[in-house]
PDB file of N, CA and C in Angstrom:
ATOM      1  N   MET A   1      64.665  98.532 105.525  1.00  0.00           N
ATOM      2  CA  MET A   1      65.748  99.146 106.021  1.00  0.00           C
ATOM      3  C   MET A   1      66.811  99.431 104.371  1.00  0.00           C
ATOM      4  N   LYS A   2      67.730 100.252 104.269  1.00  0.00           N
ATOM      5  CA  LYS A   2      68.612  99.970 103.079  1.00  0.00           C
ATOM      6  C   LYS A   2      70.106  99.638 103.450  1.00  0.00           C
ATOM      7  N   HIS A   3      70.438  99.263 103.351  1.00  0.00           N
ATOM      8  CA  HIS A   3      72.085  98.878 104.047  1.00  0.00           C
ATOM      9  C   HIS A   3      73.162  99.644 102.868  1.00  0.00           C
ATOM     10  N   THR A   4      73.900 100.242 103.180  1.00  0.00           N
ATOM     11  CA  THR A   4      75.036 100.483 102.373  1.00  0.00           C
ATOM     12  C   THR A   4      76.209 100.841 103.257  1.00  0.00           C
ATOM     13  N   PHE A   5      77.276 100.510 102.636  1.00  0.00           N
ATOM     14  CA  PHE A   5      78.825 100.516 103.030  1.00  0.00           C
ATOM     15  C   PHE A   5      79.307 102.101 102.648  1.00  0.00           C
ATOM     16  N   ALA A   6      78.904 103.098 101.969  1.00  0.00           N
ATOM     17  CA  ALA A   6      79.534 103.907 101.414  1.00  0.00           C
ATOM     18  C   ALA A   6      79.986 104.746 102.913  1.00  0.00           C
ATOM     19  N   PRO A   7      79.568 104.840 104.023  1.00  0.00           N
ATOM     20  CA  PRO A   7      80.135 105.502 105.287  1.00  0.00           C
ATOM     21  C   PRO A   7      81.596 104.674 105.420  1.00  0.00           C
ATOM     22  N   TYR A   8      82.033 103.736 105.257  1.00  0.00           N
ATOM     23  CA  TYR A   8      83.549 102.940 105.095  1.00  0.00           C
ATOM     24  C   TYR A   8      84.237 102.988 103.957  1.00  0.00           C
ATOM     25  N   LEU A   9      83.440 103.118 102.740  1.00  0.00           N
ATOM     26  CA  LEU A   9      84.559 103.319 101.806  1.00  0.00           C
ATOM     27  C   LEU A   9      84.495 104.983 101.090  1.00  0.00           C
ATOM     28  N   LYS A  10      85.386 105.620 102.077  1.00  0.00           N
ATOM     29  CA  LYS A  10      85.336 107.006 101.384  1.00  0.00           C
ATOM     30  C   LYS A  10      86.248 106.646 100.580  1.00  0.00           C
ATOM     31  N   HIS A  11      86.956 106.135 100.226  1.00  0.00           N
ATOM     32  CA  HIS A  11      88.045 106.296  98.730  1.00  0.00           C
ATOM     33  C   HIS A  11      87.459 105.713  97.750  1.00  0.00           C
ATOM     34  N   LEU A  12      86.180 105.594  97.877  1.00  0.00           N
ATOM     35  CA  LEU A  12      85.715 104.880  96.427  1.00  0.00           C
ATOM     36  C   LEU A  12      84.901 106.294  95.770  1.00  0.00           C
ATOM     37  N   GLY A  13      85.113 106.404  94.503  1.00  0.00           N
ATOM     38  CA  GLY A  13      83.634 107.188  93.830  1.00  0.00           C
ATOM     39  C   GLY A  13      82.115 106.884  93.708  1.00  0.00           C
ATOM     40  N   LYS A  14      81.812 108.019  93.813  1.00  0.00           N
ATOM     41  CA  LYS A  14      80.220 107.393  93.734  1.00  0.00           C
ATOM     42  C   LYS A  14      79.646 107.022  92.343  1.00  0.00           C
ATOM     43  N   THR A  15      80.604 107.217  91.155  1.00  0.00           N
ATOM     44  CA  THR A  15      80.466 106.903  89.973  1.00  0.00           C
ATOM     45  C   THR A  15      81.584 106.702  89.271  1.00  0.00           C
ATOM     46  N   PRO A  16      81.694 105.795  88.097  1.00  0.00           N
ATOM     47  CA  PRO A  16      82.837 104.940  87.561  1.00  0.00           C
ATOM     48  C   PRO A  16      83.564 106.403  87.261  1.00  0.00           C
ATOM     49  N   GLU A  17      83.227 107.626  86.569  1.00  0.00           N
ATOM     50  CA  GLU A  17      84.349 108.414  86.234  1.00  0.00           C
ATOM     51  C   GLU A  17      84.510 109.308  87.354  1.00  0.00           C
ATOM     52  N   GLU A  18      83.798 109.484  88.529  1.00  0.00           N
ATOM     53  CA  GLU A  18      84.515 109.955  89.802  1.00  0.00           C
ATOM     54  C   GLU A  18      85.812 109.269  90.539  1.00  0.00           C
ATOM     55  N   GLN A  19      85.879 107.692  90.151  1.00  0.00           N
ATOM     56  CA  GLN A  19      86.449 106.734  90.805  1.00  0.00           C
ATOM     57  C   GLN A  19      88.294 107.070  89.636  1.00  0.00           C
ATOM     58  N   LEU A  20      87.430 107.200  88.522  1.00  0.00           N
ATOM     59  CA  LEU A  20      88.345 107.433  87.902  1.00  0.00           C
ATOM     60  C   LEU A  20      89.510 108.845  88.174  1.00  0.00           C
ATOM     61  N   GLU A  21      89.021 109.583  88.352  1.00  0.00           N
ATOM     62  CA  GLU A  21      89.491 111.171  88.244  1.00  0.00           C
ATOM     63  C   GLU A  21      90.536 110.761  89.876  1.00  0.00           C
ATOM     64  N   LYS A  22      89.862 110.160  90.805  1.00  0.00           N
ATOM     65  CA  LYS A  22      90.473 110.165  92.532  1.00  0.00           C
ATOM     66  C   LYS A  22      91.837 109.162  91.883  1.00  0.00           C
ATOM     67  N   ASN A  23      91.779 108.092  90.953  1.00  0.00           N
ATOM     68  CA  ASN A  23      92.738 106.809  90.597  1.00  0.00           C
ATOM     69  C   ASN A  23      93.956 107.662  89.608  1.00  0.00           C
ATOM     70  N   LYS A  24      93.793 108.695  89.200  1.00  0.00           N
ATOM     71  CA  LYS A  24      94.443 109.158  87.959  1.00  0.00           C
ATOM     72  C   LYS A  24      96.088 109.690  88.978  1.00  0.00           C
ATOM     73  N   PRO A  25      96.164 110.242  90.313  1.00  0.00           N
ATOM     74  CA  PRO A  25      97.283 110.541  90.233  1.00  0.00           C
ATOM     75  C   PRO A  25      98.410 109.336  90.592  1.00  0.00           C
ATOM     76  N   LEU A  26      97.590 107.736  91.067  1.00  0.00           N
ATOM     77  CA  LEU A  26      98.068 107.242  91.631  1.00  0.00           C
ATOM     78  C   LEU A  26      98.631 106.365  89.861  1.00  0.00           C
ATOM     79  N   MET A  27      97.641 106.243  88.938  1.00  0.00           N
ATOM     80  CA  MET A  27      97.944 105.729  87.830  1.00  0.00           C
ATOM     81  C   MET A  27      98.917 106.649  87.378  1.00  0.00           C
ATOM     82  N   THR A  28      99.509 107.790  87.327  1.00  0.00           N
ATOM     83  CA  THR A  28     100.289 108.265  86.654  1.00  0.00           C
ATOM     84  C   THR A  28     101.745 107.994  87.198  1.00  0.00           C
ATOM     85  N   TRP A  29     101.993 107.774  88.602  1.00  0.00           N
ATOM     86  CA  TRP A  29     102.658 107.436  89.395  1.00  0.00           C
ATOM     87  C   TRP A  29     103.300 105.863  89.045  1.00  0.00           C
ATOM     88  N   LEU A  30     102.293 104.959  88.835  1.00  0.00           N
ATOM     89  CA  LEU A  30     102.747 103.556  88.181  1.00  0.00           C
ATOM     90  C   LEU A  30     102.817 103.439  86.623  1.00  0.00           C
ATOM     91  N   GLN A  31     102.639 104.574  86.004  1.00  0.00           N
ATOM     92  CA  GLN A  31     103.106 104.692  84.587  1.00  0.00           C
ATOM     93  C   GLN A  31     104.819 105.268  84.662  1.00  0.00           C
ATOM     94  N   GLN A  32     104.819 106.232  85.267  1.00  0.00           N
ATOM     95  CA  GLN A  32     106.486 106.313  85.549  1.00  0.00           C
ATOM     96  C   GLN A  32     106.984 105.507  86.306  1.00  0.00           C
ATOM     97  N   LYS A  33     106.544 104.632  86.881  1.00  0.00           N
ATOM     98  CA  LYS A  33     107.143 103.374  87.725  1.00  0.00           C
ATOM     99  C   LYS A  33     107.901 102.240  86.148  1.00  0.00           C
ATOM    100  N   MET A  34     106.341 102.367  85.707  1.00  0.00           N
ATOM    101  CA  MET A  34     106.872 100.959  84.820  1.00  0.00           C
ATOM    102  C   MET A  34     107.716 101.415  83.059  1.00  0.00           C
ATOM    103  N   GLU A  35     107.924 102.788  83.202  1.00  0.00           N
ATOM    104  CA  GLU A  35     108.529 103.455  82.279  1.00  0.00           C
ATOM    105  C   GLU A  35     110.154 103.705  82.494  1.00  0.00           C
ATOM    106  N   GLU A  36     110.448 103.298  84.107  1.00  0.00           N
ATOM    107  CA  GLU A  36     111.720 103.440  84.479  1.00  0.00           C
ATOM    108  C   GLU A  36     112.249 101.889  84.177  1.00  0.00           C
ATOM    109  N   LYS A  37     114.112 102.844  83.832  1.00  0.00           N
ATOM    110  CA  LYS A  37     115.063 101.573  83.859  1.00  0.00           C
ATOM    111  C   LYS A  37     115.421 101.107  84.694  1.00  0.00           C
ATOM    112  N   VAL A  38     114.852  99.837  85.079  1.00  0.00           N
ATOM    113  CA  VAL A  38     115.655  98.881  86.229  1.00  0.00           C
ATOM    114  C   VAL A  38     117.503  98.337  85.952  1.00  0.00           C
ATOM    115  N   THR A  39     117.637  98.017  86.638  1.00  0.00           N
ATOM    116  CA  THR A  39     118.977  97.430  86.385  1.00  0.00           C
ATOM    117  C   THR A  39     118.924  95.870  86.625  1.00  0.00           C
ATOM    118  N   GLU A  40     119.636  95.250  86.156  1.00  0.00           N
ATOM    119  CA  GLU A  40     119.850  93.669  86.475  1.00  0.00           C
ATOM    120  C   GLU A  40     119.678  93.154  87.788  1.00  0.00           C
ATOM    121  N   GLU A  41     120.562  93.793  88.412  1.00  0.00           N
ATOM    122  CA  GLU A  41     120.670  93.573  90.340  1.00  0.00           C
ATOM    123  C   GLU A  41     119.289  94.071  90.849  1.00  0.00           C
ATOM    124  N   GLU A  42     118.707  95.179  90.258  1.00  0.00           N
ATOM    125  CA  GLU A  42     117.401  95.063  91.030  1.00  0.00           C
ATOM    126  C   GLU A  42     116.142  94.686  90.187  1.00  0.00           C
ATOM    127  N   ALA A  43     116.239  93.963  89.294  1.00  0.00           N
ATOM    128  CA  ALA A  43     114.765  93.184  89.032  1.00  0.00           C
ATOM    129  C   ALA A  43     115.427  91.628  89.397  1.00  0.00           C
ATOM    130  N   GLU A  44     116.964  90.989  89.724  1.00  0.00           N
ATOM    131  CA  GLU A  44     116.629  90.494  90.380  1.00  0.00           C
ATOM    132  C   GLU A  44     116.263  90.435  91.885  1.00  0.00           C
ATOM    133  N   GLU A  45     116.490  91.827  92.436  1.00  0.00           N
ATOM    134  CA  GLU A  45     116.091  91.520  94.333  1.00  0.00           C
ATOM    135  C   GLU A  45     114.374  91.457  93.639  1.00  0.00           C
ATOM    136  N   ASN A  46     114.235  92.565  92.935  1.00  0.00           N
ATOM    137  CA  ASN A  46     112.709  92.369  92.980  1.00  0.00           C
ATOM    138  C   ASN A  46     111.852  91.084  93.063  1.00  0.00           C
ATOM    139  N   SER A  47     112.600  90.436  91.779  1.00  0.00           N
ATOM    140  CA  SER A  47     111.824  89.168  91.810  1.00  0.00           C
ATOM    141  C   SER A  47     112.011  88.576  92.955  1.00  0.00           C
ATOM    142  N   LYS A  48     112.997  88.256  93.692  1.00  0.00           N
ATOM    143  CA  LYS A  48     112.960  87.242  95.112  1.00  0.00           C
ATOM    144  C   LYS A  48     112.150  88.374  96.211  1.00  0.00           C
ATOM    145  N   ASN A  49     111.924  89.050  96.037  1.00  0.00           N
ATOM    146  CA  ASN A  49     111.034  90.257  97.384  1.00  0.00           C
ATOM    147  C   ASN A  49     109.528  89.726  96.667  1.00  0.00           C
ATOM    148  N   TRP A  50     109.403  89.465  95.521  1.00  0.00           N
ATOM    149  CA  TRP A  50     107.929  89.100  95.022  1.00  0.00           C
ATOM    150  C   TRP A  50     107.525  87.863  95.299  1.00  0.00           C
ATOM    151  N   GLU A  51     108.794  86.945  94.872  1.00  0.00           N
ATOM    152  CA  GLU A  51     108.305  85.495  95.704  1.00  0.00           C
ATOM    153  C   GLU A  51     108.347  85.171  97.318  1.00  0.00           C
ATOM    154  N   ILE A  52     108.967  86.379  97.822  1.00  0.00           N
ATOM    155  CA  ILE A  52     108.149  86.673  99.506  1.00  0.00           C
ATOM    156  C   ILE A  52     107.013  86.898  99.526  1.00  0.00           C
ATOM    157  N   VAL A  53     106.875  88.016  98.894  1.00  0.00           N
ATOM    158  CA  VAL A  53     105.600  88.373  99.051  1.00  0.00           C
ATOM    159  C   VAL A  53     104.512  87.657  99.133  1.00  0.00           C
ATOM    160  N   LYS A  54     104.662  86.337  97.783  1.00  0.00           N
ATOM    161  CA  LYS A  54     103.472  85.518  97.368  1.00  0.00           C
ATOM    162  C   LYS A  54     103.440  84.756  98.571  1.00  0.00           C
ATOM    163  N   GLU A  55     104.576  84.183  99.300  1.00  0.00           N
ATOM    164  CA  GLU A  55     104.732  83.028  99.902  1.00  0.00           C
ATOM    165  C   GLU A  55     104.065  83.843 101.197  1.00  0.00           C
ATOM    166  N   ILE A  56     104.194  84.823 101.302  1.00  0.00           N
ATOM    167  CA  ILE A  56     103.638  85.754 102.840  1.00  0.00           C
ATOM    168  C   ILE A  56     101.756  85.648 102.263  1.00  0.00           C
ATOM    169  N   ILE A  57     101.713  85.853 101.063  1.00  0.00           N
ATOM    170  CA  ILE A  57     100.103  86.008 100.990  1.00  0.00           C
ATOM    171  C   ILE A  57      99.353  84.449 101.145  1.00  0.00           C
ATOM    172  N   ASP A  58      99.731  83.313 100.598  1.00  0.00           N
ATOM    173  CA  ASP A  58      99.639  81.794 100.677  1.00  0.00           C
ATOM    174  C   ASP A  58      99.731  80.967 101.781  1.00  0.00           C
ATOM    175  N   ASN A  59     100.329  81.526 102.314  1.00  0.00           N
ATOM    176  CA  ASN A  59     100.775  81.159 103.931  1.00  0.00           C
ATOM    177  C   ASN A  59      99.661  81.387 105.136  1.00  0.00           C
ATOM    178  N   ASN A  60      98.943  82.930 104.516  1.00  0.00           N
ATOM    179  CA  ASN A  60      97.823  83.527 105.472  1.00  0.00           C
ATOM    180  C   ASN A  60      96.553  83.007 105.044  1.00  0.00           C
ATOM    181  N   ARG A  61      96.422  82.188 103.781  1.00  0.00           N
ATOM    182  CA  ARG A  61      95.032  82.016 103.200  1.00  0.00           C
ATOM    183  C   ARG A  61      95.061  80.539 103.362  1.00  0.00           C
ATOM    184  N   PRO A  62      93.856  80.252 103.759  1.00  0.00           N
ATOM    185  CA  PRO A  62      93.185  78.509 103.696  1.00  0.00           C
ATOM    186  C   PRO A  62      93.834  77.200 102.974  1.00  0.00           C
ATOM    187  N   SER A  63      94.384  76.223 103.234  1.00  0.00           N
ATOM    188  CA  SER A  63      94.560  75.424 102.430  1.00  0.00           C
ATOM    189  C   SER A  63      93.280  75.204 101.219  1.00  0.00           C
ATOM    190  N   GLY A  64      93.780  74.724 100.099  1.00  0.00           N
ATOM    191  CA  GLY A  64      92.737  74.796  99.213  1.00  0.00           C
ATOM    192  C   GLY A  64      92.036  76.511  98.365  1.00  0.00           C
ATOM    193  N   GLN A  65      92.856  77.219  99.120  1.00  0.00           N
ATOM    194  CA  GLN A  65      92.322  78.587  98.477  1.00  0.00           C
ATOM    195  C   GLN A  65      93.767  79.610  98.428  1.00  0.00           C
ATOM    196  N   LYS A  66      94.975  78.768  98.163  1.00  0.00           N
ATOM    197  CA  LYS A  66      96.058  79.694  97.431  1.00  0.00           C
ATOM    198  C   LYS A  66      96.354  80.420  96.516  1.00  0.00           C
ATOM    199  N   LEU A  67      96.454  81.561  96.752  1.00  0.00           N
ATOM    200  CA  LEU A  67      96.506  82.254  95.101  1.00  0.00           C
ATOM    201  C   LEU A  67      97.662  81.707  94.229  1.00  0.00           C
ATOM    202  N   PHE A  68      99.111  81.587  94.968  1.00  0.00           N
ATOM    203  CA  PHE A  68     100.228  81.248  94.038  1.00  0.00           C
ATOM    204  C   PHE A  68     100.602  80.010  94.353  1.00  0.00           C
ATOM    205  N   SER A  69     100.447  79.535  94.867  1.00  0.00           N
ATOM    206  CA  SER A  69     101.039  78.094  94.774  1.00  0.00           C
ATOM    207  C   SER A  69      99.735  76.944  95.115  1.00  0.00           C
ATOM    208  N   ARG A  70      99.798  75.933  95.168  1.00  0.00           N
ATOM    209  CA  ARG A  70      99.197  74.308  95.173  1.00  0.00           C
ATOM    210  C   ARG A  70      99.343  73.682  96.833  1.00  0.00           C
ATOM    211  N   GLY A  71      98.264  73.760  97.395  1.00  0.00           N
ATOM    212  CA  GLY A  71      97.886  73.304  98.425  1.00  0.00           C
ATOM    213  C   GLY A  71      97.157  73.933  99.745  1.00  0.00           C
TER     214      GLY A  71
END
């Protein structure tokens, strides 16, 4: 019996080319975001928010498997 995860991974393409096609809208959006000018205040707030996200991620991982901190 062959096991497959395909029914659970409908967002994935069947081929690399199909996946790239599915990714195009997000890739375009990301490119636009990367080209946007950010004020110093926005950059500071983004940095603070990123620190919070990293802390949340690490707090939900077992000790010894932290991604952003030691422990």
